[in-house]
C-alpha atoms as a PDB file:
ATOM      1  CA  UNK A   1       3.173   6.957  18.924  1.00  0.00           C
ATOM      2  CA  UNK A   2       1.594   8.681  16.367  1.00  0.00           C
ATOM      3  CA  UNK A   3       4.229  11.430  14.834  1.00  0.00           C
ATOM      4  CA  UNK A   4       1.365  12.492  12.913  1.00  0.00           C
ATOM      5  CA  UNK A   5       1.151  16.493  14.152  1.00  0.00           C
ATOM      6  CA  UNK A   6       3.922  18.942  14.909  1.00  0.00           C
ATOM      7  CA  UNK A   7       3.472  18.328  18.768  1.00  0.00           C
ATOM      8  CA  UNK A   8       3.949  15.187  18.914  1.00  0.00           C
ATOM      9  CA  UNK A   9       7.487  15.862  16.582  1.00  0.00           C
ATOM     10  CA  UNK A  10       7.980  18.546  19.049  1.00  0.00           C
ATOM     11  CA  UNK A  11       7.325  16.157  22.518  1.00  0.00           C
ATOM     12  CA  UNK A  12       9.915  13.933  20.270  1.00  0.00           C
ATOM     13  CA  UNK A  13      12.584  15.909  20.197  1.00  0.00           C
ATOM     14  CA  UNK A  14      12.329  16.950  24.280  1.00  0.00           C
ATOM     15  CA  UNK A  15      11.961  13.228  24.697  1.00  0.00           C
ATOM     16  CA  UNK A  16      15.167  12.714  22.693  1.00  0.00           C
ATOM     17  CA  UNK A  17      17.622  15.823  24.438  1.00  0.00           C
ATOM     18  CA  UNK A  18      16.975  14.086  27.632  1.00  0.00           C
ATOM     19  CA  UNK A  19      13.485  15.463  28.990  1.00  0.00           C
ATOM     20  CA  UNK A  20      11.557  12.533  30.364  1.00  0.00           C
ATOM     21  CA  UNK A  21       8.482  15.086  32.104  1.00  0.00           C
ATOM     22  CA  UNK A  22       7.507  14.750  28.524  1.00  0.00           C
ATOM     23  CA  UNK A  23       6.079  11.224  28.413  1.00  0.00           C
ATOM     24  CA  UNK A  24       3.308  11.785  30.263  1.00  0.00           C
ATOM     25  CA  UNK A  25       1.590  13.841  26.988  1.00  0.00           C
ATOM     26  CA  UNK A  26       2.864  11.623  24.694  1.00  0.00           C
ATOM     27  CA  UNK A  27       0.544   9.315  26.113  1.00  0.00           C
ATOM     28  CA  UNK A  28      -1.759  10.950  24.706  1.00  0.00           C
ATOM     29  CA  UNK A  29      -0.426   9.959  21.333  1.00  0.00           C
ATOM     30  CA  UNK A  30      -0.027   6.909  21.492  1.00  0.00           C
ATOM     31  CA  UNK A  31      -2.087   3.172  20.885  1.00  0.00           C
ATOM     32  CA  UNK A  32      -1.369  -0.066  21.654  1.00  0.00           C
ATOM     33  CA  UNK A  33       0.071  -3.165  20.046  1.00  0.00           C
ATOM     34  CA  UNK A  34       0.020  -6.847  21.457  1.00  0.00           C
ATOM     35  CA  UNK A  35       4.284  -7.279  22.403  1.00  0.00           C
ATOM     36  CA  UNK A  36       4.255 -10.751  20.752  1.00  0.00           C
ATOM     37  CA  UNK A  37       2.617 -10.408  17.906  1.00  0.00           C
ATOM     38  CA  UNK A  38       1.924  -7.089  16.108  1.00  0.00           C
ATOM     39  CA  UNK A  39       4.110  -5.405  18.483  1.00  0.00           C
ATOM     40  CA  UNK A  40       7.016  -7.779  17.221  1.00  0.00           C
ATOM     41  CA  UNK A  41       5.611  -8.638  13.640  1.00  0.00           C
ATOM     42  CA  UNK A  42       5.353  -4.885  13.088  1.00  0.00           C
ATOM     43  CA  UNK A  43       8.941  -4.196  14.092  1.00  0.00           C
ATOM     44  CA  UNK A  44      10.265  -7.204  11.749  1.00  0.00           C
ATOM     45  CA  UNK A  45       8.471  -5.198   8.907  1.00  0.00           C
ATOM     46  CA  UNK A  46       9.763  -1.723   9.204  1.00  0.00           C
ATOM     47  CA  UNK A  47       6.102  -0.145   9.915  1.00  0.00           C
ATOM     48  CA  UNK A  48       7.226   1.484  13.981  1.00  0.00           C
ATOM     49  CA  UNK A  49      10.519   2.448  14.288  1.00  0.00           C
ATOM     50  CA  UNK A  50      13.183   2.832  17.806  1.00  0.00           C
ATOM     51  CA  UNK A  51      13.350   6.713  18.445  1.00  0.00           C
ATOM     52  CA  UNK A  52      16.339   5.035  20.835  1.00  0.00           C
ATOM     53  CA  UNK A  53      14.258   6.909  23.738  1.00  0.00           C
ATOM     54  CA  UNK A  54      12.212   3.498  24.800  1.00  0.00           C
ATOM     55  CA  UNK A  55       9.472   5.219  22.377  1.00  0.00           C
ATOM     56  CA  UNK A  56       8.284   3.308  19.030  1.00  0.00           C
ATOM     57  CA  UNK A  57       6.548   5.586  16.544  1.00  0.00           C
ATOM     58  CA  UNK A  58       4.265   4.873  13.471  1.00  0.00           C
ATOM     59  CA  UNK A  59       6.674   5.149  10.001  1.00  0.00           C
ATOM     60  CA  UNK A  60       4.447   5.393   8.307  1.00  0.00           C
ATOM     61  CA  UNK A  61       2.238   8.078   9.990  1.00  0.00           C
ATOM     62  CA  UNK A  62      -0.524   7.880   7.000  1.00  0.00           C
ATOM     63  CA  UNK A  63      -1.557   4.304   8.719  1.00  0.00           C
ATOM     64  CA  UNK A  64      -3.394   5.883  11.566  1.00  0.00           C
ATOM     65  CA  UNK A  65      -6.519   7.161  11.177  1.00  0.00           C
ATOM     66  CA  UNK A  66      -8.455   9.416  14.041  1.00  0.00           C
ATOM     67  CA  UNK A  67     -12.146   7.779  12.962  1.00  0.00           C
ATOM     68  CA  UNK A  68     -10.712   3.508  12.533  1.00  0.00           C
ATOM     69  CA  UNK A  69      -7.731   3.940  14.628  1.00  0.00           C
ATOM     70  CA  UNK A  70      -4.748   1.946  13.406  1.00  0.00           C
ATOM     71  CA  UNK A  71      -4.175  -0.261  10.676  1.00  0.00           C
ATOM     72  CA  UNK A  72      -0.697  -1.606  10.409  1.00  0.00           C
ATOM     73  CA  UNK A  73      -2.293  -4.276   7.630  1.00  0.00           C
ATOM     74  CA  UNK A  74      -0.869  -7.505   9.084  1.00  0.00           C
ATOM     75  CA  UNK A  75      -3.044 -10.415  10.538  1.00  0.00           C
ATOM     76  CA  UNK A  76      -1.347 -10.932  14.166  1.00  0.00           C
ATOM     77  CA  UNK A  77      -0.192 -14.509  14.624  1.00  0.00           C
ATOM     78  CA  UNK A  78      -2.451 -15.766  17.337  1.00  0.00           C
ATOM     79  CA  UNK A  79      -5.299 -14.808  14.284  1.00  0.00           C
ATOM     80  CA  UNK A  80      -3.032 -17.241  11.899  1.00  0.00           C
END
């Protein structure tokens, strides 16, 4: 998930306080990473962090551009 806006911070706070209904709204701030490859690499490199609520957040929001999308600067394993 991209935590780049005030609204995402509010929603993450609500989620951490147990309000699971906000997950639906959080989806609009989410991007998909392939579990085997991109996600594993991003987690290992510290590019995403676990919020403890079942949601992973991009550690550096500058890695996301609304026009071009997500750029983690890593090459997925399947392309290596």
